[in-house]
mmCIF file of all heavy atoms, coordinates in Angstrom:
data_MODEL
# 
_entry.id   MODEL 
# 
loop_
_atom_site.group_PDB 
_atom_site.id 
_atom_site.type_symbol 
_atom_site.label_atom_id 
_atom_site.label_alt_id 
_atom_site.label_comp_id 
_atom_site.label_asym_id 
_atom_site.label_entity_id 
_atom_site.label_seq_id 
_atom_site.pdbx_PDB_ins_code 
_atom_site.Cartn_x 
_atom_site.Cartn_y 
_atom_site.Cartn_z 
_atom_site.occupancy 
_atom_site.B_iso_or_equiv 
_atom_site.pdbx_formal_charge 
_atom_site.auth_seq_id 
_atom_site.auth_comp_id 
_atom_site.auth_asym_id 
_atom_site.auth_atom_id 
_atom_site.pdbx_PDB_model_num 
ATOM 1   N N   . CYS A 1 1  ? -4.203 -4.414  4.557  1.00 0.00 ? 1  CYS A N   1 
ATOM 2   C CA  . CYS A 1 1  ? -2.787 -4.549  4.878  1.00 0.00 ? 1  CYS A CA  1 
ATOM 3   C C   . CYS A 1 1  ? -2.320 -6.038  4.679  1.00 0.00 ? 1  CYS A C   1 
ATOM 4   O O   . CYS A 1 1  ? -1.199 -6.329  4.298  1.00 0.00 ? 1  CYS A O   1 
ATOM 5   C CB  . CYS A 1 1  ? -2.508 -4.092  6.279  1.00 0.00 ? 1  CYS A CB  1 
ATOM 6   S SG  . CYS A 1 1  ? -2.549 -2.291  6.506  1.00 0.00 ? 1  CYS A SG  1 
ATOM 7   N N   . ALA A 1 2  ? -3.232 -6.954  5.053  1.00 0.00 ? 2  ALA A N   1 
ATOM 8   C CA  . ALA A 1 2  ? -2.850 -8.416  4.985  1.00 0.00 ? 2  ALA A CA  1 
ATOM 9   C C   . ALA A 1 2  ? -2.659 -8.740  3.453  1.00 0.00 ? 2  ALA A C   1 
ATOM 10  O O   . ALA A 1 2  ? -1.709 -9.484  3.134  1.00 0.00 ? 2  ALA A O   1 
ATOM 11  C CB  . ALA A 1 2  ? -4.034 -9.255  5.535  1.00 0.00 ? 2  ALA A CB  1 
ATOM 12  N N   . LEU A 1 3  ? -3.545 -8.229  2.586  1.00 0.00 ? 3  LEU A N   1 
ATOM 13  C CA  . LEU A 1 3  ? -3.381 -8.557  1.140  1.00 0.00 ? 3  LEU A CA  1 
ATOM 14  C C   . LEU A 1 3  ? -2.170 -7.874  0.589  1.00 0.00 ? 3  LEU A C   1 
ATOM 15  O O   . LEU A 1 3  ? -1.421 -8.443  -0.209 1.00 0.00 ? 3  LEU A O   1 
ATOM 16  C CB  . LEU A 1 3  ? -4.678 -8.119  0.400  1.00 0.00 ? 3  LEU A CB  1 
ATOM 17  C CG  . LEU A 1 3  ? -5.854 -8.942  0.660  1.00 0.00 ? 3  LEU A CG  1 
ATOM 18  C CD1 . LEU A 1 3  ? -7.169 -8.216  0.137  1.00 0.00 ? 3  LEU A CD1 1 
ATOM 19  C CD2 . LEU A 1 3  ? -5.783 -10.345 0.046  1.00 0.00 ? 3  LEU A CD2 1 
ATOM 20  N N   . ALA A 1 4  ? -1.841 -6.660  1.032  1.00 0.00 ? 4  ALA A N   1 
ATOM 21  C CA  . ALA A 1 4  ? -0.678 -5.929  0.593  1.00 0.00 ? 4  ALA A CA  1 
ATOM 22  C C   . ALA A 1 4  ? 0.603  -6.591  1.081  1.00 0.00 ? 4  ALA A C   1 
ATOM 23  O O   . ALA A 1 4  ? 1.569  -6.705  0.364  1.00 0.00 ? 4  ALA A O   1 
ATOM 24  C CB  . ALA A 1 4  ? -0.699 -4.476  1.095  1.00 0.00 ? 4  ALA A CB  1 
ATOM 25  N N   . ASN A 1 5  ? 0.523  -7.112  2.354  1.00 0.00 ? 5  ASN A N   1 
ATOM 26  C CA  . ASN A 1 5  ? 1.679  -7.870  2.827  1.00 0.00 ? 5  ASN A CA  1 
ATOM 27  C C   . ASN A 1 5  ? 1.953  -9.106  2.016  1.00 0.00 ? 5  ASN A C   1 
ATOM 28  O O   . ASN A 1 5  ? 3.155  -9.425  1.670  1.00 0.00 ? 5  ASN A O   1 
ATOM 29  C CB  . ASN A 1 5  ? 1.399  -8.273  4.350  1.00 0.00 ? 5  ASN A CB  1 
ATOM 30  C CG  . ASN A 1 5  ? 2.522  -9.195  4.880  1.00 0.00 ? 5  ASN A CG  1 
ATOM 31  O OD1 . ASN A 1 5  ? 2.529  -10.390 4.633  1.00 0.00 ? 5  ASN A OD1 1 
ATOM 32  N ND2 . ASN A 1 5  ? 3.346  -8.601  5.726  1.00 0.00 ? 5  ASN A ND2 1 
ATOM 33  N N   . TYR A 1 6  ? 0.913  -9.828  1.577  1.00 0.00 ? 6  TYR A N   1 
ATOM 34  C CA  . TYR A 1 6  ? 1.094  -11.039 0.772  1.00 0.00 ? 6  TYR A CA  1 
ATOM 35  C C   . TYR A 1 6  ? 1.550  -10.623 -0.663 1.00 0.00 ? 6  TYR A C   1 
ATOM 36  O O   . TYR A 1 6  ? 2.369  -11.368 -1.151 1.00 0.00 ? 6  TYR A O   1 
ATOM 37  C CB  . TYR A 1 6  ? -0.228 -11.758 0.661  1.00 0.00 ? 6  TYR A CB  1 
ATOM 38  C CG  . TYR A 1 6  ? -0.123 -13.146 0.067  1.00 0.00 ? 6  TYR A CG  1 
ATOM 39  C CD1 . TYR A 1 6  ? 0.769  -14.107 0.545  1.00 0.00 ? 6  TYR A CD1 1 
ATOM 40  C CD2 . TYR A 1 6  ? -0.792 -13.508 -1.158 1.00 0.00 ? 6  TYR A CD2 1 
ATOM 41  C CE1 . TYR A 1 6  ? 0.949  -15.319 0.000  1.00 0.00 ? 6  TYR A CE1 1 
ATOM 42  C CE2 . TYR A 1 6  ? -0.680 -14.706 -1.731 1.00 0.00 ? 6  TYR A CE2 1 
ATOM 43  C CZ  . TYR A 1 6  ? 0.201  -15.599 -1.187 1.00 0.00 ? 6  TYR A CZ  1 
ATOM 44  O OH  . TYR A 1 6  ? 0.351  -16.847 -1.772 1.00 0.00 ? 6  TYR A OH  1 
ATOM 45  N N   . ALA A 1 7  ? 1.103  -9.514  -1.151 1.00 0.00 ? 7  ALA A N   1 
ATOM 46  C CA  . ALA A 1 7  ? 1.628  -9.017  -2.438 1.00 0.00 ? 7  ALA A CA  1 
ATOM 47  C C   . ALA A 1 7  ? 3.123  -8.875  -2.344 1.00 0.00 ? 7  ALA A C   1 
ATOM 48  O O   . ALA A 1 7  ? 3.823  -9.226  -3.267 1.00 0.00 ? 7  ALA A O   1 
ATOM 49  C CB  . ALA A 1 7  ? 0.908  -7.758  -2.857 1.00 0.00 ? 7  ALA A CB  1 
ATOM 50  N N   . CYS A 1 8  ? 3.592  -8.279  -1.278 1.00 0.00 ? 8  CYS A N   1 
ATOM 51  C CA  . CYS A 1 8  ? 5.059  -8.003  -1.063 1.00 0.00 ? 8  CYS A CA  1 
ATOM 52  C C   . CYS A 1 8  ? 5.760  -9.430  -1.025 1.00 0.00 ? 8  CYS A C   1 
ATOM 53  O O   . CYS A 1 8  ? 6.861  -9.527  -1.640 1.00 0.00 ? 8  CYS A O   1 
ATOM 54  C CB  . CYS A 1 8  ? 5.342  -7.237  0.189  1.00 0.00 ? 8  CYS A CB  1 
ATOM 55  S SG  . CYS A 1 8  ? 4.817  -5.471  0.146  1.00 0.00 ? 8  CYS A SG  1 
ATOM 56  N N   . ARG A 1 9  ? 5.211  -10.354 -0.435 1.00 0.00 ? 9  ARG A N   1 
ATOM 57  C CA  . ARG A 1 9  ? 5.798  -11.663 -0.252 1.00 0.00 ? 9  ARG A CA  1 
ATOM 58  C C   . ARG A 1 9  ? 5.864  -12.349 -1.672 1.00 0.00 ? 9  ARG A C   1 
ATOM 59  O O   . ARG A 1 9  ? 6.751  -13.154 -1.886 1.00 0.00 ? 9  ARG A O   1 
ATOM 60  C CB  . ARG A 1 9  ? 5.053  -12.523 0.644  1.00 0.00 ? 9  ARG A CB  1 
ATOM 61  C CG  . ARG A 1 9  ? 5.257  -12.147 2.119  1.00 0.00 ? 9  ARG A CG  1 
ATOM 62  C CD  . ARG A 1 9  ? 4.089  -12.502 3.007  1.00 0.00 ? 9  ARG A CD  1 
ATOM 63  N NE  . ARG A 1 9  ? 3.808  -13.968 3.023  1.00 0.00 ? 9  ARG A NE  1 
ATOM 64  C CZ  . ARG A 1 9  ? 2.703  -14.511 3.649  1.00 0.00 ? 9  ARG A CZ  1 
ATOM 65  N NH1 . ARG A 1 9  ? 1.886  -13.724 4.313  1.00 0.00 ? 9  ARG A NH1 1 
ATOM 66  N NH2 . ARG A 1 9  ? 2.549  -15.784 3.598  1.00 0.00 ? 9  ARG A NH2 1 
ATOM 67  N N   . LEU A 1 10 ? 5.006  -11.938 -2.534 1.00 0.00 ? 10 LEU A N   1 
ATOM 68  C CA  . LEU A 1 10 ? 5.039  -12.531 -3.928 1.00 0.00 ? 10 LEU A CA  1 
ATOM 69  C C   . LEU A 1 10 ? 5.918  -11.623 -4.882 1.00 0.00 ? 10 LEU A C   1 
ATOM 70  O O   . LEU A 1 10 ? 5.961  -11.877 -6.054 1.00 0.00 ? 10 LEU A O   1 
ATOM 71  C CB  . LEU A 1 10 ? 3.630  -12.617 -4.527 1.00 0.00 ? 10 LEU A CB  1 
ATOM 72  C CG  . LEU A 1 10 ? 2.680  -13.630 -3.817 1.00 0.00 ? 10 LEU A CG  1 
ATOM 73  C CD1 . LEU A 1 10 ? 1.340  -13.652 -4.508 1.00 0.00 ? 10 LEU A CD1 1 
ATOM 74  C CD2 . LEU A 1 10 ? 3.286  -14.933 -3.765 1.00 0.00 ? 10 LEU A CD2 1 
ATOM 75  N N   . GLY A 1 11 ? 6.586  -10.597 -4.313 1.00 0.00 ? 11 GLY A N   1 
ATOM 76  C CA  . GLY A 1 11 ? 7.455  -9.794  -5.161 1.00 0.00 ? 11 GLY A CA  1 
ATOM 77  C C   . GLY A 1 11 ? 6.758  -8.619  -5.802 1.00 0.00 ? 11 GLY A C   1 
ATOM 78  O O   . GLY A 1 11 ? 7.409  -7.956  -6.621 1.00 0.00 ? 11 GLY A O   1 
ATOM 79  N N   . LEU A 1 12 ? 5.482  -8.330  -5.413 1.00 0.00 ? 12 LEU A N   1 
ATOM 80  C CA  . LEU A 1 12 ? 4.796  -7.152  -5.964 1.00 0.00 ? 12 LEU A CA  1 
ATOM 81  C C   . LEU A 1 12 ? 4.997  -5.923  -5.020 1.00 0.00 ? 12 LEU A C   1 
ATOM 82  O O   . LEU A 1 12 ? 4.964  -6.094  -3.834 1.00 0.00 ? 12 LEU A O   1 
ATOM 83  C CB  . LEU A 1 12 ? 3.333  -7.469  -6.150 1.00 0.00 ? 12 LEU A CB  1 
ATOM 84  C CG  . LEU A 1 12 ? 3.002  -8.726  -7.017 1.00 0.00 ? 12 LEU A CG  1 
ATOM 85  C CD1 . LEU A 1 12 ? 1.582  -9.041  -6.989 1.00 0.00 ? 12 LEU A CD1 1 
ATOM 86  C CD2 . LEU A 1 12 ? 3.387  -8.358  -8.497 1.00 0.00 ? 12 LEU A CD2 1 
ATOM 87  N N   . SER A 1 13 ? 5.063  -4.770  -5.634 1.00 0.00 ? 13 SER A N   1 
ATOM 88  C CA  . SER A 1 13 ? 5.217  -3.524  -4.801 1.00 0.00 ? 13 SER A CA  1 
ATOM 89  C C   . SER A 1 13 ? 3.850  -3.084  -4.296 1.00 0.00 ? 13 SER A C   1 
ATOM 90  O O   . SER A 1 13 ? 2.835  -3.193  -5.012 1.00 0.00 ? 13 SER A O   1 
ATOM 91  C CB  . SER A 1 13 ? 5.888  -2.505  -5.576 1.00 0.00 ? 13 SER A CB  1 
ATOM 92  O OG  . SER A 1 13 ? 5.177  -2.097  -6.754 1.00 0.00 ? 13 SER A OG  1 
ATOM 93  N N   . SER A 1 14 ? 3.780  -2.617  -3.108 1.00 0.00 ? 14 SER A N   1 
ATOM 94  C CA  . SER A 1 14 ? 2.538  -2.026  -2.512 1.00 0.00 ? 14 SER A CA  1 
ATOM 95  C C   . SER A 1 14 ? 2.933  -0.730  -1.753 1.00 0.00 ? 14 SER A C   1 
ATOM 96  O O   . SER A 1 14 ? 4.075  -0.539  -1.385 1.00 0.00 ? 14 SER A O   1 
ATOM 97  C CB  . SER A 1 14 ? 1.934  -3.077  -1.497 1.00 0.00 ? 14 SER A CB  1 
ATOM 98  O OG  . SER A 1 14 ? 1.630  -4.268  -2.126 1.00 0.00 ? 14 SER A OG  1 
ATOM 99  N N   . GLN A 1 15 ? 1.872  0.079   -1.613 1.00 0.00 ? 15 GLN A N   1 
ATOM 100 C CA  . GLN A 1 15 ? 2.075  1.312   -0.827 1.00 0.00 ? 15 GLN A CA  1 
ATOM 101 C C   . GLN A 1 15 ? 0.719  1.734   -0.217 1.00 0.00 ? 15 GLN A C   1 
ATOM 102 O O   . GLN A 1 15 ? -0.286 1.597   -0.867 1.00 0.00 ? 15 GLN A O   1 
ATOM 103 C CB  . GLN A 1 15 ? 2.675  2.337   -1.644 1.00 0.00 ? 15 GLN A CB  1 
ATOM 104 C CG  . GLN A 1 15 ? 3.403  3.442   -0.801 1.00 0.00 ? 15 GLN A CG  1 
ATOM 105 C CD  . GLN A 1 15 ? 4.507  4.165   -1.547 1.00 0.00 ? 15 GLN A CD  1 
ATOM 106 O OE1 . GLN A 1 15 ? 4.472  4.220   -2.814 1.00 0.00 ? 15 GLN A OE1 1 
ATOM 107 N NE2 . GLN A 1 15 ? 5.450  4.766   -0.855 1.00 0.00 ? 15 GLN A NE2 1 
ATOM 108 N N   . PHE A 1 16 ? 0.795  2.141   1.015  1.00 0.00 ? 16 PHE A N   1 
ATOM 109 C CA  . PHE A 1 16 ? -0.449 2.470   1.810  1.00 0.00 ? 16 PHE A CA  1 
ATOM 110 C C   . PHE A 1 16 ? -0.573 3.975   1.968  1.00 0.00 ? 16 PHE A C   1 
ATOM 111 O O   . PHE A 1 16 ? 0.443  4.652   2.287  1.00 0.00 ? 16 PHE A O   1 
ATOM 112 C CB  . PHE A 1 16 ? -0.402 1.777   3.161  1.00 0.00 ? 16 PHE A CB  1 
ATOM 113 C CG  . PHE A 1 16 ? -1.567 2.094   4.033  1.00 0.00 ? 16 PHE A CG  1 
ATOM 114 C CD1 . PHE A 1 16 ? -2.621 1.218   4.120  1.00 0.00 ? 16 PHE A CD1 1 
ATOM 115 C CD2 . PHE A 1 16 ? -1.620 3.219   4.816  1.00 0.00 ? 16 PHE A CD2 1 
ATOM 116 C CE1 . PHE A 1 16 ? -3.779 1.500   4.971  1.00 0.00 ? 16 PHE A CE1 1 
ATOM 117 C CE2 . PHE A 1 16 ? -2.719 3.553   5.636  1.00 0.00 ? 16 PHE A CE2 1 
ATOM 118 C CZ  . PHE A 1 16 ? -3.764 2.626   5.669  1.00 0.00 ? 16 PHE A CZ  1 
ATOM 119 N N   . TYR A 1 17 ? -1.730 4.510   1.687  1.00 0.00 ? 17 TYR A N   1 
ATOM 120 C CA  . TYR A 1 17 ? -1.990 5.909   1.936  1.00 0.00 ? 17 TYR A CA  1 
ATOM 121 C C   . TYR A 1 17 ? -3.455 6.089   2.493  1.00 0.00 ? 17 TYR A C   1 
ATOM 122 O O   . TYR A 1 17 ? -4.360 5.419   2.020  1.00 0.00 ? 17 TYR A O   1 
ATOM 123 C CB  . TYR A 1 17 ? -1.915 6.749   0.634  1.00 0.00 ? 17 TYR A CB  1 
ATOM 124 C CG  . TYR A 1 17 ? -0.601 6.931   0.064  1.00 0.00 ? 17 TYR A CG  1 
ATOM 125 C CD1 . TYR A 1 17 ? -0.057 6.171   -0.926 1.00 0.00 ? 17 TYR A CD1 1 
ATOM 126 C CD2 . TYR A 1 17 ? 0.281  7.983   0.584  1.00 0.00 ? 17 TYR A CD2 1 
ATOM 127 C CE1 . TYR A 1 17 ? 1.264  6.330   -1.442 1.00 0.00 ? 17 TYR A CE1 1 
ATOM 128 C CE2 . TYR A 1 17 ? 1.535  8.191   0.074  1.00 0.00 ? 17 TYR A CE2 1 
ATOM 129 C CZ  . TYR A 1 17 ? 2.029  7.363   -0.937 1.00 0.00 ? 17 TYR A CZ  1 
ATOM 130 O OH  . TYR A 1 17 ? 3.213  7.544   -1.433 1.00 0.00 ? 17 TYR A OH  1 
ATOM 131 N N   . ARG A 1 18 ? -3.631 6.994   3.393  1.00 0.00 ? 18 ARG A N   1 
ATOM 132 C CA  . ARG A 1 18 ? -4.923 7.488   3.745  1.00 0.00 ? 18 ARG A CA  1 
ATOM 133 C C   . ARG A 1 18 ? -5.243 8.576   2.684  1.00 0.00 ? 18 ARG A C   1 
ATOM 134 O O   . ARG A 1 18 ? -4.443 9.351   2.296  1.00 0.00 ? 18 ARG A O   1 
ATOM 135 C CB  . ARG A 1 18 ? -4.937 8.113   5.132  1.00 0.00 ? 18 ARG A CB  1 
ATOM 136 C CG  . ARG A 1 18 ? -4.803 7.058   6.249  1.00 0.00 ? 18 ARG A CG  1 
ATOM 137 C CD  . ARG A 1 18 ? -4.946 7.700   7.589  1.00 0.00 ? 18 ARG A CD  1 
ATOM 138 N NE  . ARG A 1 18 ? -6.344 8.209   7.818  1.00 0.00 ? 18 ARG A NE  1 
ATOM 139 C CZ  . ARG A 1 18 ? -6.710 9.428   7.857  1.00 0.00 ? 18 ARG A CZ  1 
ATOM 140 N NH1 . ARG A 1 18 ? -5.845 10.388  7.752  1.00 0.00 ? 18 ARG A NH1 1 
ATOM 141 N NH2 . ARG A 1 18 ? -8.015 9.809   8.040  1.00 0.00 ? 18 ARG A NH2 1 
ATOM 142 N N   . VAL A 1 19 ? -6.479 8.517   2.178  1.00 0.00 ? 19 VAL A N   1 
ATOM 143 C CA  . VAL A 1 19 ? -6.813 9.397   1.070  1.00 0.00 ? 19 VAL A CA  1 
ATOM 144 C C   . VAL A 1 19 ? -6.544 10.843  1.439  1.00 0.00 ? 19 VAL A C   1 
ATOM 145 O O   . VAL A 1 19 ? -6.070 11.609  0.565  1.00 0.00 ? 19 VAL A O   1 
ATOM 146 C CB  . VAL A 1 19 ? -8.343 9.135   0.718  1.00 0.00 ? 19 VAL A CB  1 
ATOM 147 C CG1 . VAL A 1 19 ? -8.831 10.188  -0.338 1.00 0.00 ? 19 VAL A CG1 1 
ATOM 148 C CG2 . VAL A 1 19 ? -8.494 7.749   0.062  1.00 0.00 ? 19 VAL A CG2 1 
ATOM 149 N N   . PRO A 1 20 ? -6.960 11.376  2.606  1.00 0.00 ? 20 PRO A N   1 
ATOM 150 C CA  . PRO A 1 20 ? -6.740 12.820  2.817  1.00 0.00 ? 20 PRO A CA  1 
ATOM 151 C C   . PRO A 1 20 ? -5.252 13.192  2.756  1.00 0.00 ? 20 PRO A C   1 
ATOM 152 O O   . PRO A 1 20 ? -4.920 14.250  2.209  1.00 0.00 ? 20 PRO A O   1 
ATOM 153 C CB  . PRO A 1 20 ? -7.290 13.031  4.282  1.00 0.00 ? 20 PRO A CB  1 
ATOM 154 C CG  . PRO A 1 20 ? -8.309 11.939  4.476  1.00 0.00 ? 20 PRO A CG  1 
ATOM 155 C CD  . PRO A 1 20 ? -7.750 10.783  3.725  1.00 0.00 ? 20 PRO A CD  1 
ATOM 156 N N   . ILE A 1 21 ? -4.417 12.381  3.288  1.00 0.00 ? 21 ILE A N   1 
ATOM 157 C CA  . ILE A 1 21 ? -2.950 12.645  3.231  1.00 0.00 ? 21 ILE A CA  1 
ATOM 158 C C   . ILE A 1 21 ? -2.435 12.611  1.774  1.00 0.00 ? 21 ILE A C   1 
ATOM 159 O O   . ILE A 1 21 ? -1.609 13.432  1.345  1.00 0.00 ? 21 ILE A O   1 
ATOM 160 C CB  . ILE A 1 21 ? -2.149 11.695  4.176  1.00 0.00 ? 21 ILE A CB  1 
ATOM 161 C CG1 . ILE A 1 21 ? -2.596 11.911  5.618  1.00 0.00 ? 21 ILE A CG1 1 
ATOM 162 C CG2 . ILE A 1 21 ? -0.698 11.857  3.998  1.00 0.00 ? 21 ILE A CG2 1 
ATOM 163 C CD1 . ILE A 1 21 ? -1.994 10.982  6.587  1.00 0.00 ? 21 ILE A CD1 1 
ATOM 164 N N   . LEU A 1 22 ? -2.884 11.626  0.997  1.00 0.00 ? 22 LEU A N   1 
ATOM 165 C CA  . LEU A 1 22 ? -2.386 11.447  -0.339 1.00 0.00 ? 22 LEU A CA  1 
ATOM 166 C C   . LEU A 1 22 ? -2.874 12.674  -1.117 1.00 0.00 ? 22 LEU A C   1 
ATOM 167 O O   . LEU A 1 22 ? -2.139 13.228  -1.940 1.00 0.00 ? 22 LEU A O   1 
ATOM 168 C CB  . LEU A 1 22 ? -2.978 10.191  -0.931 1.00 0.00 ? 22 LEU A CB  1 
ATOM 169 C CG  . LEU A 1 22 ? -2.626 9.951   -2.426 1.00 0.00 ? 22 LEU A CG  1 
ATOM 170 C CD1 . LEU A 1 22 ? -1.096 9.948   -2.621 1.00 0.00 ? 22 LEU A CD1 1 
ATOM 171 C CD2 . LEU A 1 22 ? -3.253 8.668   -2.953 1.00 0.00 ? 22 LEU A CD2 1 
ATOM 172 N N   . MET A 1 23 ? -4.121 13.144  -0.943 1.00 0.00 ? 23 MET A N   1 
ATOM 173 C CA  . MET A 1 23 ? -4.638 14.291  -1.639 1.00 0.00 ? 23 MET A CA  1 
ATOM 174 C C   . MET A 1 23 ? -3.754 15.515  -1.353 1.00 0.00 ? 23 MET A C   1 
ATOM 175 O O   . MET A 1 23 ? -3.502 16.404  -2.211 1.00 0.00 ? 23 MET A O   1 
ATOM 176 C CB  . MET A 1 23 ? -6.049 14.541  -1.359 1.00 0.00 ? 23 MET A CB  1 
ATOM 177 C CG  . MET A 1 23 ? -7.002 13.439  -1.915 1.00 0.00 ? 23 MET A CG  1 
ATOM 178 S SD  . MET A 1 23 ? -6.919 13.318  -3.744 1.00 0.00 ? 23 MET A SD  1 
ATOM 179 C CE  . MET A 1 23 ? -5.821 11.861  -3.892 1.00 0.00 ? 23 MET A CE  1 
ATOM 180 N N   . GLU A 1 24 ? -3.398 15.718  -0.126 1.00 0.00 ? 24 GLU A N   1 
ATOM 181 C CA  . GLU A 1 24 ? -2.497 16.859  0.286  1.00 0.00 ? 24 GLU A CA  1 
ATOM 182 C C   . GLU A 1 24 ? -1.184 16.790  -0.400 1.00 0.00 ? 24 GLU A C   1 
ATOM 183 O O   . GLU A 1 24 ? -0.659 17.803  -0.796 1.00 0.00 ? 24 GLU A O   1 
ATOM 184 C CB  . GLU A 1 24 ? -2.333 16.816  1.795  1.00 0.00 ? 24 GLU A CB  1 
ATOM 185 C CG  . GLU A 1 24 ? -3.548 17.263  2.699  1.00 0.00 ? 24 GLU A CG  1 
ATOM 186 C CD  . GLU A 1 24 ? -3.263 17.236  4.113  1.00 0.00 ? 24 GLU A CD  1 
ATOM 187 O OE1 . GLU A 1 24 ? -2.038 17.130  4.477  1.00 0.00 ? 24 GLU A OE1 1 
ATOM 188 O OE2 . GLU A 1 24 ? -4.166 17.505  4.938  1.00 0.00 ? 24 GLU A OE2 1 
ATOM 189 N N   . SER A 1 25 ? -0.618 15.574  -0.472 1.00 0.00 ? 25 SER A N   1 
ATOM 190 C CA  . SER A 1 25 ? 0.703  15.431  -1.167 1.00 0.00 ? 25 SER A CA  1 
ATOM 191 C C   . SER A 1 25 ? 0.563  15.741  -2.666 1.00 0.00 ? 25 SER A C   1 
ATOM 192 O O   . SER A 1 25 ? 1.466  16.285  -3.279 1.00 0.00 ? 25 SER A O   1 
ATOM 193 C CB  . SER A 1 25 ? 1.218  14.022  -0.942 1.00 0.00 ? 25 SER A CB  1 
ATOM 194 O OG  . SER A 1 25 ? 0.535  13.035  -1.735 1.00 0.00 ? 25 SER A OG  1 
# 
């Protein structure tokens, strides 16, 4: 999450998923 937060601060898009939930989707 810390690295993803910094990516957002640099203008890069991020998204978090737990693998089981992503597989269901």
